[in-house]
């Protein structure tokens, strides 16, 4: 008997959160599911917790592997999945009790390849509703589906923007995907990206290959914002990571773009990533290089591709305020201005 859902959960060093996550999965109102826990060589008590839950619930499969990163863990889970639909859940987050039911009913009623739901973002004891689009929809035309690729690459290109700006368009955790689509098109997570922007690239391939996508305006997932997550900590290899990211997305665009329709969103994504790199590398307090050397490397970076083309062609009206400021100084070829901008932001946060 094929389960309606396979929920793939990569597990690594989340002992404090894991049982909350698993509790939300085994309590789903749609019970015809399988839960695939991929222990990615976690050095804490997570492997034992996974095995204990598997003994209590026959729907749970546990895979133990050497640490290979979140992308490899998700891919491993896909290898073992047998469900009609695929969902991903990060082990420090949790799902709404009716998530599978809402997504499955929508997918069957609308007869689509992918169903997208909303999420809640959790900051400590606070939470906020994260609405992705202004209204529910079913997209079947290539033009509309391409617009979703644009939104995935950069949120400023969302075709139906909500009143309050959203984050996480590329996240895999709020998207139910027919497994046959993943199998037929061989869609997987790119392990070379080291867990950064790999989810956005995965979603881009999903949208580019799908024939139909529905959006339901209900929260299905609770995303916990953790300051020490992989996307927020010091990265001395940021420039190499960026090179890998841009190469992977360029390959995607060359393969699937018909008339360069995604180029504007790609340029905006490059500026976004550059601005993030100021925080994660260049001006991070853990970067002990002398400021003169940092500014020299920063200027060299601005004078290389894809940054130079992005600076020239990006539509700054689509950018977030901090990215607009970064783009201004990039166009001026003024790295010291970027440093002053970053220092002011740091000071204002402390006030």
C-alpha atoms as a PDB file:
ATOM      1  CA  UNK A   1       0.000   0.000   0.000  1.00  0.00           C
ATOM      2  CA  UNK A   2       1.531   3.315  -1.098  1.00  0.00           C
ATOM      3  CA  UNK A   3       1.254   6.022   1.592  1.00  0.00           C
ATOM      4  CA  UNK A   4      -0.186   9.358   0.573  1.00  0.00           C
ATOM      5  CA  UNK A   5       2.841  11.248   1.932  1.00  0.00           C
ATOM      6  CA  UNK A   6       6.518  10.669   2.563  1.00  0.00           C
ATOM      7  CA  UNK A   7       7.839  13.270   4.996  1.00  0.00           C
ATOM      8  CA  UNK A   8      11.636  13.505   4.836  1.00  0.00           C
ATOM      9  CA  UNK A   9      13.368  14.884   7.943  1.00  0.00           C
ATOM     10  CA  UNK A  10      17.144  15.535   7.980  1.00  0.00           C
ATOM     11  CA  UNK A  11      18.408  15.262  11.567  1.00  0.00           C
ATOM     12  CA  UNK A  12      21.610  16.817  12.900  1.00  0.00           C
ATOM     13  CA  UNK A  13      22.372  18.259  16.358  1.00  0.00           C
ATOM     14  CA  UNK A  14      18.783  19.190  17.199  1.00  0.00           C
ATOM     15  CA  UNK A  15      18.320  17.231  20.415  1.00  0.00           C
ATOM     16  CA  UNK A  16      16.421  20.091  22.080  1.00  0.00           C
ATOM     17  CA  UNK A  17      13.864  20.360  19.260  1.00  0.00           C
ATOM     18  CA  UNK A  18      13.572  16.896  17.733  1.00  0.00           C
ATOM     19  CA  UNK A  19      10.741  15.499  19.852  1.00  0.00           C
ATOM     20  CA  UNK A  20       8.598  18.560  19.194  1.00  0.00           C
ATOM     21  CA  UNK A  21       9.101  18.017  15.473  1.00  0.00           C
ATOM     22  CA  UNK A  22       8.363  14.294  15.614  1.00  0.00           C
ATOM     23  CA  UNK A  23       5.301  14.875  17.770  1.00  0.00           C
ATOM     24  CA  UNK A  24       3.844  17.142  15.088  1.00  0.00           C
ATOM     25  CA  UNK A  25       4.416  14.502  12.416  1.00  0.00           C
ATOM     26  CA  UNK A  26       3.005  11.454  14.167  1.00  0.00           C
ATOM     27  CA  UNK A  27      -0.056  13.526  15.149  1.00  0.00           C
ATOM     28  CA  UNK A  28      -1.008  14.486  11.590  1.00  0.00           C
ATOM     29  CA  UNK A  29      -4.765  14.315  10.964  1.00  0.00           C
ATOM     30  CA  UNK A  30      -3.967  12.528   7.707  1.00  0.00           C
ATOM     31  CA  UNK A  31      -2.540   9.301   9.090  1.00  0.00           C
ATOM     32  CA  UNK A  32      -1.641   7.528   5.836  1.00  0.00           C
ATOM     33  CA  UNK A  33       1.937   8.786   5.808  1.00  0.00           C
ATOM     34  CA  UNK A  34       5.503   7.581   6.207  1.00  0.00           C
ATOM     35  CA  UNK A  35       8.127   9.553   8.106  1.00  0.00           C
ATOM     36  CA  UNK A  36      11.732   9.164   6.968  1.00  0.00           C
ATOM     37  CA  UNK A  37      14.298  10.332   9.521  1.00  0.00           C
ATOM     38  CA  UNK A  38      17.799  10.744   8.110  1.00  0.00           C
ATOM     39  CA  UNK A  39      20.321  10.900  10.949  1.00  0.00           C
ATOM     40  CA  UNK A  40      23.174  12.800   9.306  1.00  0.00           C
ATOM     41  CA  UNK A  41      25.824  11.521  11.703  1.00  0.00           C
ATOM     42  CA  UNK A  42      24.492  13.592  14.595  1.00  0.00           C
ATOM     43  CA  UNK A  43      26.948  13.405  17.550  1.00  0.00           C
ATOM     44  CA  UNK A  44      24.318  14.002  20.235  1.00  0.00           C
ATOM     45  CA  UNK A  45      21.318  12.001  21.431  1.00  0.00           C
ATOM     46  CA  UNK A  46      19.360  12.429  18.187  1.00  0.00           C
ATOM     47  CA  UNK A  47      20.123   8.970  16.731  1.00  0.00           C
ATOM     48  CA  UNK A  48      18.754   7.263  19.850  1.00  0.00           C
ATOM     49  CA  UNK A  49      15.629   9.454  19.855  1.00  0.00           C
ATOM     50  CA  UNK A  50      14.991   8.578  16.203  1.00  0.00           C
ATOM     51  CA  UNK A  51      15.316   4.853  16.887  1.00  0.00           C
ATOM     52  CA  UNK A  52      13.033   5.068  19.923  1.00  0.00           C
ATOM     53  CA  UNK A  53      10.281   6.738  17.913  1.00  0.00           C
ATOM     54  CA  UNK A  54      10.653   4.177  15.115  1.00  0.00           C
ATOM     55  CA  UNK A  55      10.049   1.376  17.623  1.00  0.00           C
ATOM     56  CA  UNK A  56       6.818   3.044  18.761  1.00  0.00           C
ATOM     57  CA  UNK A  57       5.433   3.972  15.314  1.00  0.00           C
ATOM     58  CA  UNK A  58       5.693   1.642  12.318  1.00  0.00           C
ATOM     59  CA  UNK A  59       5.292   4.587   9.930  1.00  0.00           C
ATOM     60  CA  UNK A  60       8.763   5.839  10.865  1.00  0.00           C
ATOM     61  CA  UNK A  61      11.889   4.764   8.976  1.00  0.00           C
ATOM     62  CA  UNK A  62      15.333   5.713  10.281  1.00  0.00           C
ATOM     63  CA  UNK A  63      18.445   6.001   8.135  1.00  0.00           C
ATOM     64  CA  UNK A  64      21.832   6.509   9.804  1.00  0.00           C
ATOM     65  CA  UNK A  65      24.664   7.926   7.694  1.00  0.00           C
ATOM     66  CA  UNK A  66      27.985   9.720   8.102  1.00  0.00           C
ATOM     67  CA  UNK A  67      27.677  13.486   8.205  1.00  0.00           C
ATOM     68  CA  UNK A  68      27.259  14.746   4.645  1.00  0.00           C
ATOM     69  CA  UNK A  69      25.162  17.894   5.030  1.00  0.00           C
ATOM     70  CA  UNK A  70      21.471  18.750   4.811  1.00  0.00           C
ATOM     71  CA  UNK A  71      21.261  18.434   1.019  1.00  0.00           C
ATOM     72  CA  UNK A  72      22.721  14.929   1.019  1.00  0.00           C
ATOM     73  CA  UNK A  73      20.425  13.961   3.901  1.00  0.00           C
ATOM     74  CA  UNK A  74      17.347  15.137   2.011  1.00  0.00           C
ATOM     75  CA  UNK A  75      18.481  13.292  -1.100  1.00  0.00           C
ATOM     76  CA  UNK A  76      19.005  10.118   0.929  1.00  0.00           C
ATOM     77  CA  UNK A  77      15.478  10.421   2.273  1.00  0.00           C
ATOM     78  CA  UNK A  78      14.136  10.728  -1.271  1.00  0.00           C
ATOM     79  CA  UNK A  79      15.850   7.442  -2.163  1.00  0.00           C
ATOM     80  CA  UNK A  80      13.809   5.641   0.489  1.00  0.00           C
ATOM     81  CA  UNK A  81      10.520   7.489  -0.051  1.00  0.00           C
ATOM     82  CA  UNK A  82       7.549   5.532  -1.405  1.00  0.00           C
ATOM     83  CA  UNK A  83       4.706   8.022  -0.918  1.00  0.00           C
ATOM     84  CA  UNK A  84       2.503   9.582  -3.563  1.00  0.00           C
ATOM     85  CA  UNK A  85       3.557  13.035  -2.373  1.00  0.00           C
ATOM     86  CA  UNK A  86       6.809  14.347  -0.851  1.00  0.00           C
ATOM     87  CA  UNK A  87       7.153  16.825   2.014  1.00  0.00           C
ATOM     88  CA  UNK A  88      10.264  18.028   3.813  1.00  0.00           C
ATOM     89  CA  UNK A  89      10.432  19.068   7.452  1.00  0.00           C
ATOM     90  CA  UNK A  90      13.525  20.427   9.185  1.00  0.00           C
ATOM     91  CA  UNK A  91      14.032  18.801  12.561  1.00  0.00           C
ATOM     92  CA  UNK A  92      14.155  22.069  14.527  1.00  0.00           C
ATOM     93  CA  UNK A  93      10.775  23.116  13.063  1.00  0.00           C
ATOM     94  CA  UNK A  94       7.336  21.535  13.206  1.00  0.00           C
ATOM     95  CA  UNK A  95       4.238  21.075  11.077  1.00  0.00           C
ATOM     96  CA  UNK A  96       0.681  22.125  11.732  1.00  0.00           C
ATOM     97  CA  UNK A  97      -1.456  19.123  12.706  1.00  0.00           C
ATOM     98  CA  UNK A  98      -3.547  19.327   9.516  1.00  0.00           C
ATOM     99  CA  UNK A  99      -0.669  20.146   7.136  1.00  0.00           C
ATOM    100  CA  UNK A 100      -0.737  16.881   5.195  1.00  0.00           C
ATOM    101  CA  UNK A 101      -4.528  16.875   5.029  1.00  0.00           C
ATOM    102  CA  UNK A 102      -4.722  20.456   3.711  1.00  0.00           C
ATOM    103  CA  UNK A 103      -2.000  19.933   1.116  1.00  0.00           C
ATOM    104  CA  UNK A 104      -3.287  16.547  -0.022  1.00  0.00           C
ATOM    105  CA  UNK A 105      -6.903  17.675  -0.405  1.00  0.00           C
ATOM    106  CA  UNK A 106      -5.810  20.715  -2.389  1.00  0.00           C
ATOM    107  CA  UNK A 107      -3.533  18.648  -4.612  1.00  0.00           C
ATOM    108  CA  UNK A 108      -6.263  16.123  -5.422  1.00  0.00           C
ATOM    109  CA  UNK A 109      -9.076  18.658  -5.843  1.00  0.00           C
ATOM    110  CA  UNK A 110      -7.033  20.950  -8.087  1.00  0.00           C
ATOM    111  CA  UNK A 111      -5.183  18.098  -9.831  1.00  0.00           C
ATOM    112  CA  UNK A 112      -1.772  19.766  -9.678  1.00  0.00           C
ATOM    113  CA  UNK A 113       1.876  18.728  -9.435  1.00  0.00           C
ATOM    114  CA  UNK A 114       2.773  20.991  -6.505  1.00  0.00           C
ATOM    115  CA  UNK A 115       0.843  22.581  -3.641  1.00  0.00           C
ATOM    116  CA  UNK A 116       2.295  25.562  -1.764  1.00  0.00           C
ATOM    117  CA  UNK A 117       1.070  26.629   1.689  1.00  0.00           C
ATOM    118  CA  UNK A 118       1.879  29.466   4.076  1.00  0.00           C
ATOM    119  CA  UNK A 119       4.114  29.262   7.146  1.00  0.00           C
ATOM    120  CA  UNK A 120       4.473  30.809  10.587  1.00  0.00           C
ATOM    121  CA  UNK A 121       7.848  32.250  11.545  1.00  0.00           C
ATOM    122  CA  UNK A 122       8.842  31.701  15.175  1.00  0.00           C
ATOM    123  CA  UNK A 123      11.228  34.153  16.894  1.00  0.00           C
ATOM    124  CA  UNK A 124      11.585  32.951  20.485  1.00  0.00           C
ATOM    125  CA  UNK A 125       8.145  33.422  22.053  1.00  0.00           C
ATOM    126  CA  UNK A 126       6.911  35.575  19.186  1.00  0.00           C
ATOM    127  CA  UNK A 127       5.428  34.366  15.937  1.00  0.00           C
ATOM    128  CA  UNK A 128       4.127  35.955  12.771  1.00  0.00           C
ATOM    129  CA  UNK A 129       2.096  34.662   9.876  1.00  0.00           C
ATOM    130  CA  UNK A 130       4.103  34.544   6.646  1.00  0.00           C
ATOM    131  CA  UNK A 131       1.747  34.844   3.666  1.00  0.00           C
ATOM    132  CA  UNK A 132       3.424  34.189   0.321  1.00  0.00           C
ATOM    133  CA  UNK A 133       0.854  35.511  -2.149  1.00  0.00           C
ATOM    134  CA  UNK A 134      -2.067  37.949  -2.031  1.00  0.00           C
ATOM    135  CA  UNK A 135      -4.660  35.336  -3.024  1.00  0.00           C
ATOM    136  CA  UNK A 136      -5.041  31.624  -3.674  1.00  0.00           C
ATOM    137  CA  UNK A 137      -4.419  30.414  -7.213  1.00  0.00           C
ATOM    138  CA  UNK A 138      -3.943  27.515  -9.585  1.00  0.00           C
ATOM    139  CA  UNK A 139      -1.341  28.214 -12.274  1.00  0.00           C
ATOM    140  CA  UNK A 140      -1.170  26.025 -15.376  1.00  0.00           C
ATOM    141  CA  UNK A 141       0.273  28.319 -18.054  1.00  0.00           C
ATOM    142  CA  UNK A 142       4.023  28.406 -18.668  1.00  0.00           C
ATOM    143  CA  UNK A 143       4.012  32.194 -18.360  1.00  0.00           C
ATOM    144  CA  UNK A 144       2.516  32.014 -14.864  1.00  0.00           C
ATOM    145  CA  UNK A 145       4.801  29.182 -13.761  1.00  0.00           C
ATOM    146  CA  UNK A 146       7.818  31.151 -14.984  1.00  0.00           C
ATOM    147  CA  UNK A 147       6.680  34.028 -12.774  1.00  0.00           C
ATOM    148  CA  UNK A 148       6.957  31.695  -9.793  1.00  0.00           C
ATOM    149  CA  UNK A 149      10.533  30.886 -10.798  1.00  0.00           C
ATOM    150  CA  UNK A 150      11.201  34.638 -10.758  1.00  0.00           C
ATOM    151  CA  UNK A 151       9.738  34.935  -7.244  1.00  0.00           C
ATOM    152  CA  UNK A 152      11.841  31.984  -6.115  1.00  0.00           C
ATOM    153  CA  UNK A 153      15.051  33.594  -7.383  1.00  0.00           C
ATOM    154  CA  UNK A 154      14.150  36.945  -5.839  1.00  0.00           C
ATOM    155  CA  UNK A 155      11.052  37.803  -3.820  1.00  0.00           C
ATOM    156  CA  UNK A 156      10.672  41.255  -5.384  1.00  0.00           C
ATOM    157  CA  UNK A 157       9.384  39.555  -8.529  1.00  0.00           C
ATOM    158  CA  UNK A 158       6.450  37.854  -6.810  1.00  0.00           C
ATOM    159  CA  UNK A 159       3.490  37.943  -9.273  1.00  0.00           C
ATOM    160  CA  UNK A 160       0.896  38.327  -6.496  1.00  0.00           C
ATOM    161  CA  UNK A 161       2.740  40.070  -3.658  1.00  0.00           C
ATOM    162  CA  UNK A 162       1.112  40.102  -0.204  1.00  0.00           C
ATOM    163  CA  UNK A 163       0.688  43.324   1.768  1.00  0.00           C
ATOM    164  CA  UNK A 164       3.445  42.313   4.176  1.00  0.00           C
ATOM    165  CA  UNK A 165       6.739  41.224   2.550  1.00  0.00           C
ATOM    166  CA  UNK A 166       7.406  37.506   2.891  1.00  0.00           C
ATOM    167  CA  UNK A 167      10.567  35.446   3.239  1.00  0.00           C
ATOM    168  CA  UNK A 168      11.360  31.867   2.319  1.00  0.00           C
ATOM    169  CA  UNK A 169       9.865  31.588  -1.176  1.00  0.00           C
ATOM    170  CA  UNK A 170      12.429  28.912  -1.965  1.00  0.00           C
ATOM    171  CA  UNK A 171      11.985  26.846   1.197  1.00  0.00           C
ATOM    172  CA  UNK A 172      11.089  23.188   0.541  1.00  0.00           C
ATOM    173  CA  UNK A 173       9.105  22.690   3.742  1.00  0.00           C
ATOM    174  CA  UNK A 174       5.787  24.270   2.689  1.00  0.00           C
ATOM    175  CA  UNK A 175       5.558  22.506  -0.665  1.00  0.00           C
ATOM    176  CA  UNK A 176       3.897  19.168  -1.339  1.00  0.00           C
ATOM    177  CA  UNK A 177       5.317  17.670  -4.532  1.00  0.00           C
ATOM    178  CA  UNK A 178       4.146  14.638  -6.450  1.00  0.00           C
ATOM    179  CA  UNK A 179       6.958  12.102  -6.163  1.00  0.00           C
ATOM    180  CA  UNK A 180       6.532  11.125  -9.806  1.00  0.00           C
ATOM    181  CA  UNK A 181       7.659  14.648 -10.802  1.00  0.00           C
ATOM    182  CA  UNK A 182      10.880  14.273  -8.812  1.00  0.00           C
ATOM    183  CA  UNK A 183      11.507  10.829 -10.285  1.00  0.00           C
ATOM    184  CA  UNK A 184      10.706  11.685 -13.903  1.00  0.00           C
ATOM    185  CA  UNK A 185      12.794  14.868 -13.920  1.00  0.00           C
ATOM    186  CA  UNK A 186      15.476  13.577 -11.524  1.00  0.00           C
ATOM    187  CA  UNK A 187      15.193  16.638  -9.288  1.00  0.00           C
ATOM    188  CA  UNK A 188      17.487  16.565  -6.268  1.00  0.00           C
ATOM    189  CA  UNK A 189      19.286  18.968  -3.948  1.00  0.00           C
ATOM    190  CA  UNK A 190      22.696  20.177  -5.137  1.00  0.00           C
ATOM    191  CA  UNK A 191      25.194  19.022  -2.507  1.00  0.00           C
ATOM    192  CA  UNK A 192      27.971  21.239  -3.917  1.00  0.00           C
ATOM    193  CA  UNK A 193      26.219  24.330  -2.499  1.00  0.00           C
ATOM    194  CA  UNK A 194      26.929  23.204   1.088  1.00  0.00           C
ATOM    195  CA  UNK A 195      23.388  23.830   2.298  1.00  0.00           C
ATOM    196  CA  UNK A 196      23.218  27.465   1.101  1.00  0.00           C
ATOM    197  CA  UNK A 197      20.705  28.443  -1.617  1.00  0.00           C
ATOM    198  CA  UNK A 198      20.306  24.722  -2.371  1.00  0.00           C
ATOM    199  CA  UNK A 199      16.633  24.919  -1.415  1.00  0.00           C
ATOM    200  CA  UNK A 200      16.071  27.885  -3.757  1.00  0.00           C
ATOM    201  CA  UNK A 201      17.727  25.987  -6.617  1.00  0.00           C
ATOM    202  CA  UNK A 202      15.663  22.877  -5.842  1.00  0.00           C
ATOM    203  CA  UNK A 203      12.463  24.938  -5.943  1.00  0.00           C
ATOM    204  CA  UNK A 204      13.529  26.583  -9.213  1.00  0.00           C
ATOM    205  CA  UNK A 205      13.862  23.148 -10.831  1.00  0.00           C
ATOM    206  CA  UNK A 206      10.481  22.154  -9.396  1.00  0.00           C
ATOM    207  CA  UNK A 207       8.705  25.183 -10.825  1.00  0.00           C
ATOM    208  CA  UNK A 208      10.477  24.929 -14.186  1.00  0.00           C
ATOM    209  CA  UNK A 209       9.409  21.294 -14.607  1.00  0.00           C
ATOM    210  CA  UNK A 210       5.895  21.436 -13.142  1.00  0.00           C
ATOM    211  CA  UNK A 211       2.804  21.630 -15.333  1.00  0.00           C
ATOM    212  CA  UNK A 212       0.574  22.986 -12.579  1.00  0.00           C
ATOM    213  CA  UNK A 213       0.910  24.572  -9.135  1.00  0.00           C
ATOM    214  CA  UNK A 214      -1.718  25.502  -6.542  1.00  0.00           C
ATOM    215  CA  UNK A 215      -1.386  27.874  -3.608  1.00  0.00           C
ATOM    216  CA  UNK A 216      -3.552  27.491  -0.506  1.00  0.00           C
ATOM    217  CA  UNK A 217      -3.691  30.361   1.972  1.00  0.00           C
ATOM    218  CA  UNK A 218      -3.314  28.299   5.129  1.00  0.00           C
ATOM    219  CA  UNK A 219      -0.302  27.947   7.405  1.00  0.00           C
ATOM    220  CA  UNK A 220       1.051  24.408   7.216  1.00  0.00           C
ATOM    221  CA  UNK A 221       4.496  24.840   8.757  1.00  0.00           C
ATOM    222  CA  UNK A 222       6.243  26.510  11.701  1.00  0.00           C
ATOM    223  CA  UNK A 223       9.692  27.816  10.817  1.00  0.00           C
ATOM    224  CA  UNK A 224      11.969  28.519  13.783  1.00  0.00           C
ATOM    225  CA  UNK A 225      14.423  31.370  13.221  1.00  0.00           C
ATOM    226  CA  UNK A 226      17.697  30.376  14.900  1.00  0.00           C
ATOM    227  CA  UNK A 227      20.547  32.975  15.025  1.00  0.00           C
ATOM    228  CA  UNK A 228      23.255  30.293  14.740  1.00  0.00           C
ATOM    229  CA  UNK A 229      21.823  28.592  11.654  1.00  0.00           C
ATOM    230  CA  UNK A 230      24.031  27.793   8.654  1.00  0.00           C
ATOM    231  CA  UNK A 231      22.811  30.869   6.758  1.00  0.00           C
ATOM    232  CA  UNK A 232      23.659  33.355   9.549  1.00  0.00           C
ATOM    233  CA  UNK A 233      27.164  32.468  10.785  1.00  0.00           C
ATOM    234  CA  UNK A 234      30.658  33.593   9.721  1.00  0.00           C
ATOM    235  CA  UNK A 235      31.736  32.066   6.424  1.00  0.00           C
ATOM    236  CA  UNK A 236      35.425  32.569   5.540  1.00  0.00           C
ATOM    237  CA  UNK A 237      34.761  30.657   2.301  1.00  0.00           C
ATOM    238  CA  UNK A 238      31.826  32.876   1.316  1.00  0.00           C
ATOM    239  CA  UNK A 239      33.288  33.892  -2.043  1.00  0.00           C
ATOM    240  CA  UNK A 240      33.823  30.276  -3.047  1.00  0.00           C
ATOM    241  CA  UNK A 241      30.282  29.442  -1.931  1.00  0.00           C
ATOM    242  CA  UNK A 242      28.990  32.367  -4.002  1.00  0.00           C
ATOM    243  CA  UNK A 243      30.885  31.129  -7.047  1.00  0.00           C
ATOM    244  CA  UNK A 244      29.274  27.717  -6.696  1.00  0.00           C
ATOM    245  CA  UNK A 245      25.824  29.245  -6.201  1.00  0.00           C
ATOM    246  CA  UNK A 246      26.053  31.479  -9.261  1.00  0.00           C
ATOM    247  CA  UNK A 247      27.441  28.687 -11.448  1.00  0.00           C
ATOM    248  CA  UNK A 248      24.612  26.370 -10.416  1.00  0.00           C
ATOM    249  CA  UNK A 249      21.921  28.965 -11.107  1.00  0.00           C
ATOM    250  CA  UNK A 250      23.546  29.982 -14.392  1.00  0.00           C
ATOM    251  CA  UNK A 251      23.459  26.333 -15.454  1.00  0.00           C
ATOM    252  CA  UNK A 252      19.764  26.163 -14.532  1.00  0.00           C
ATOM    253  CA  UNK A 253      18.935  29.331 -16.480  1.00  0.00           C
ATOM    254  CA  UNK A 254      20.837  28.179 -19.572  1.00  0.00           C
ATOM    255  CA  UNK A 255      19.045  24.821 -19.457  1.00  0.00           C
ATOM    256  CA  UNK A 256      15.483  26.053 -18.914  1.00  0.00           C
ATOM    257  CA  UNK A 257      15.258  29.705 -19.954  1.00  0.00           C
ATOM    258  CA  UNK A 258      13.787  30.341 -23.414  1.00  0.00           C
ATOM    259  CA  UNK A 259      14.232  34.114 -23.750  1.00  0.00           C
ATOM    260  CA  UNK A 260      16.325  35.206 -20.745  1.00  0.00           C
ATOM    261  CA  UNK A 261      13.083  35.771 -18.829  1.00  0.00           C
ATOM    262  CA  UNK A 262      14.731  35.059 -15.470  1.00  0.00           C
ATOM    263  CA  UNK A 263      17.806  37.292 -15.894  1.00  0.00           C
ATOM    264  CA  UNK A 264      16.347  40.285 -13.965  1.00  0.00           C
ATOM    265  CA  UNK A 265      15.627  38.087 -10.941  1.00  0.00           C
ATOM    266  CA  UNK A 266      19.089  36.516 -11.189  1.00  0.00           C
ATOM    267  CA  UNK A 267      20.726  39.961 -11.102  1.00  0.00           C
ATOM    268  CA  UNK A 268      18.704  40.847  -7.998  1.00  0.00           C
ATOM    269  CA  UNK A 269      19.702  37.548  -6.395  1.00  0.00           C
ATOM    270  CA  UNK A 270      23.386  38.358  -7.007  1.00  0.00           C
ATOM    271  CA  UNK A 271      22.999  41.732  -5.258  1.00  0.00           C
ATOM    272  CA  UNK A 272      21.155  40.051  -2.391  1.00  0.00           C
ATOM    273  CA  UNK A 273      23.934  37.509  -1.981  1.00  0.00           C
ATOM    274  CA  UNK A 274      26.611  40.203  -2.180  1.00  0.00           C
ATOM    275  CA  UNK A 275      24.932  42.194   0.587  1.00  0.00           C
ATOM    276  CA  UNK A 276      24.704  39.038   2.710  1.00  0.00           C
ATOM    277  CA  UNK A 277      28.412  38.402   2.108  1.00  0.00           C
ATOM    278  CA  UNK A 278      29.256  41.772   3.653  1.00  0.00           C
ATOM    279  CA  UNK A 279      27.752  40.469   6.882  1.00  0.00           C
ATOM    280  CA  UNK A 280      28.877  36.845   6.664  1.00  0.00           C
ATOM    281  CA  UNK A 281      32.442  37.502   5.544  1.00  0.00           C
ATOM    282  CA  UNK A 282      33.891  40.897   4.625  1.00  0.00           C
ATOM    283  CA  UNK A 283      32.761  42.936   7.652  1.00  0.00           C
ATOM    284  CA  UNK A 284      32.082  40.104  10.051  1.00  0.00           C
ATOM    285  CA  UNK A 285      33.754  40.663  13.428  1.00  0.00           C
ATOM    286  CA  UNK A 286      35.404  37.241  13.130  1.00  0.00           C
ATOM    287  CA  UNK A 287      37.252  38.373  10.002  1.00  0.00           C
ATOM    288  CA  UNK A 288      40.611  39.357  11.513  1.00  0.00           C
ATOM    289  CA  UNK A 289      42.192  40.709   8.321  1.00  0.00           C
ATOM    290  CA  UNK A 290      43.272  44.357   8.264  1.00  0.00           C
ATOM    291  CA  UNK A 291      40.597  46.695   6.919  1.00  0.00           C
ATOM    292  CA  UNK A 292      42.842  47.771   4.021  1.00  0.00           C
ATOM    293  CA  UNK A 293      43.122  44.175   2.843  1.00  0.00           C
ATOM    294  CA  UNK A 294      39.380  43.613   3.280  1.00  0.00           C
ATOM    295  CA  UNK A 295      38.509  46.675   1.186  1.00  0.00           C
ATOM    296  CA  UNK A 296      40.980  45.644  -1.522  1.00  0.00           C
ATOM    297  CA  UNK A 297      39.428  42.174  -1.770  1.00  0.00           C
ATOM    298  CA  UNK A 298      35.965  43.721  -1.726  1.00  0.00           C
ATOM    299  CA  UNK A 299      36.825  45.988  -4.664  1.00  0.00           C
ATOM    300  CA  UNK A 300      38.294  43.061  -6.595  1.00  0.00           C
ATOM    301  CA  UNK A 301      35.108  41.104  -5.982  1.00  0.00           C
ATOM    302  CA  UNK A 302      32.898  43.932  -7.251  1.00  0.00           C
ATOM    303  CA  UNK A 303      34.965  43.981 -10.458  1.00  0.00           C
ATOM    304  CA  UNK A 304      34.335  40.314 -11.265  1.00  0.00           C
ATOM    305  CA  UNK A 305      31.348  38.507 -12.764  1.00  0.00           C
ATOM    306  CA  UNK A 306      28.500  38.090 -12.129  1.00  0.00           C
ATOM    307  CA  UNK A 307      28.697  41.117  -9.833  1.00  0.00           C
ATOM    308  CA  UNK A 308      29.701  43.609 -12.563  1.00  0.00           C
ATOM    309  CA  UNK A 309      26.772  42.725 -14.822  1.00  0.00           C
ATOM    310  CA  UNK A 310      24.342  42.609 -11.908  1.00  0.00           C
ATOM    311  CA  UNK A 311      25.430  46.090 -10.793  1.00  0.00           C
ATOM    312  CA  UNK A 312      24.777  47.483 -14.281  1.00  0.00           C
ATOM    313  CA  UNK A 313      21.482  45.745 -15.000  1.00  0.00           C
ATOM    314  CA  UNK A 314      19.677  45.207 -11.687  1.00  0.00           C
ATOM    315  CA  UNK A 315      16.330  46.927 -11.248  1.00  0.00           C
ATOM    316  CA  UNK A 316      16.938  48.593  -7.894  1.00  0.00           C
ATOM    317  CA  UNK A 317      13.214  49.278  -7.395  1.00  0.00           C
ATOM    318  CA  UNK A 318      12.800  45.544  -6.737  1.00  0.00           C
ATOM    319  CA  UNK A 319      15.464  45.422  -4.019  1.00  0.00           C
ATOM    320  CA  UNK A 320      15.053  45.599  -0.261  1.00  0.00           C
ATOM    321  CA  UNK A 321      16.296  48.881   1.317  1.00  0.00           C
ATOM    322  CA  UNK A 322      19.611  47.470   2.585  1.00  0.00           C
ATOM    323  CA  UNK A 323      20.293  45.931  -0.818  1.00  0.00           C
ATOM    324  CA  UNK A 324      19.486  49.204  -2.599  1.00  0.00           C
ATOM    325  CA  UNK A 325      22.119  50.945  -0.482  1.00  0.00           C
ATOM    326  CA  UNK A 326      24.652  48.221  -1.224  1.00  0.00           C
ATOM    327  CA  UNK A 327      23.883  48.450  -4.956  1.00  0.00           C
ATOM    328  CA  UNK A 328      24.439  52.223  -4.856  1.00  0.00           C
ATOM    329  CA  UNK A 329      27.955  51.899  -3.444  1.00  0.00           C
ATOM    330  CA  UNK A 330      28.689  48.973  -5.748  1.00  0.00           C
ATOM    331  CA  UNK A 331      27.857  51.157  -8.754  1.00  0.00           C
ATOM    332  CA  UNK A 332      30.104  53.860  -7.322  1.00  0.00           C
ATOM    333  CA  UNK A 333      32.884  51.235  -6.958  1.00  0.00           C
ATOM    334  CA  UNK A 334      33.242  52.588  -3.413  1.00  0.00           C
ATOM    335  CA  UNK A 335      34.027  49.755  -0.961  1.00  0.00           C
ATOM    336  CA  UNK A 336      34.715  52.186   1.891  1.00  0.00           C
ATOM    337  CA  UNK A 337      31.129  53.403   1.541  1.00  0.00           C
ATOM    338  CA  UNK A 338      29.946  49.835   2.040  1.00  0.00           C
ATOM    339  CA  UNK A 339      32.050  49.611   5.195  1.00  0.00           C
ATOM    340  CA  UNK A 340      30.558  52.846   6.584  1.00  0.00           C
ATOM    341  CA  UNK A 341      27.067  51.604   5.708  1.00  0.00           C
ATOM    342  CA  UNK A 342      27.663  48.322   7.517  1.00  0.00           C
ATOM    343  CA  UNK A 343      29.151  50.023  10.586  1.00  0.00           C
ATOM    344  CA  UNK A 344      26.150  52.360  10.835  1.00  0.00           C
ATOM    345  CA  UNK A 345      23.767  49.401  10.648  1.00  0.00           C
ATOM    346  CA  UNK A 346      25.724  47.637  13.401  1.00  0.00           C
ATOM    347  CA  UNK A 347      25.657  50.701  15.652  1.00  0.00           C
ATOM    348  CA  UNK A 348      21.941  51.321  15.088  1.00  0.00           C
ATOM    349  CA  UNK A 349      21.127  47.720  16.043  1.00  0.00           C
ATOM    350  CA  UNK A 350      22.773  48.290  19.431  1.00  0.00           C
ATOM    351  CA  UNK A 351      20.920  51.541  20.143  1.00  0.00           C
END
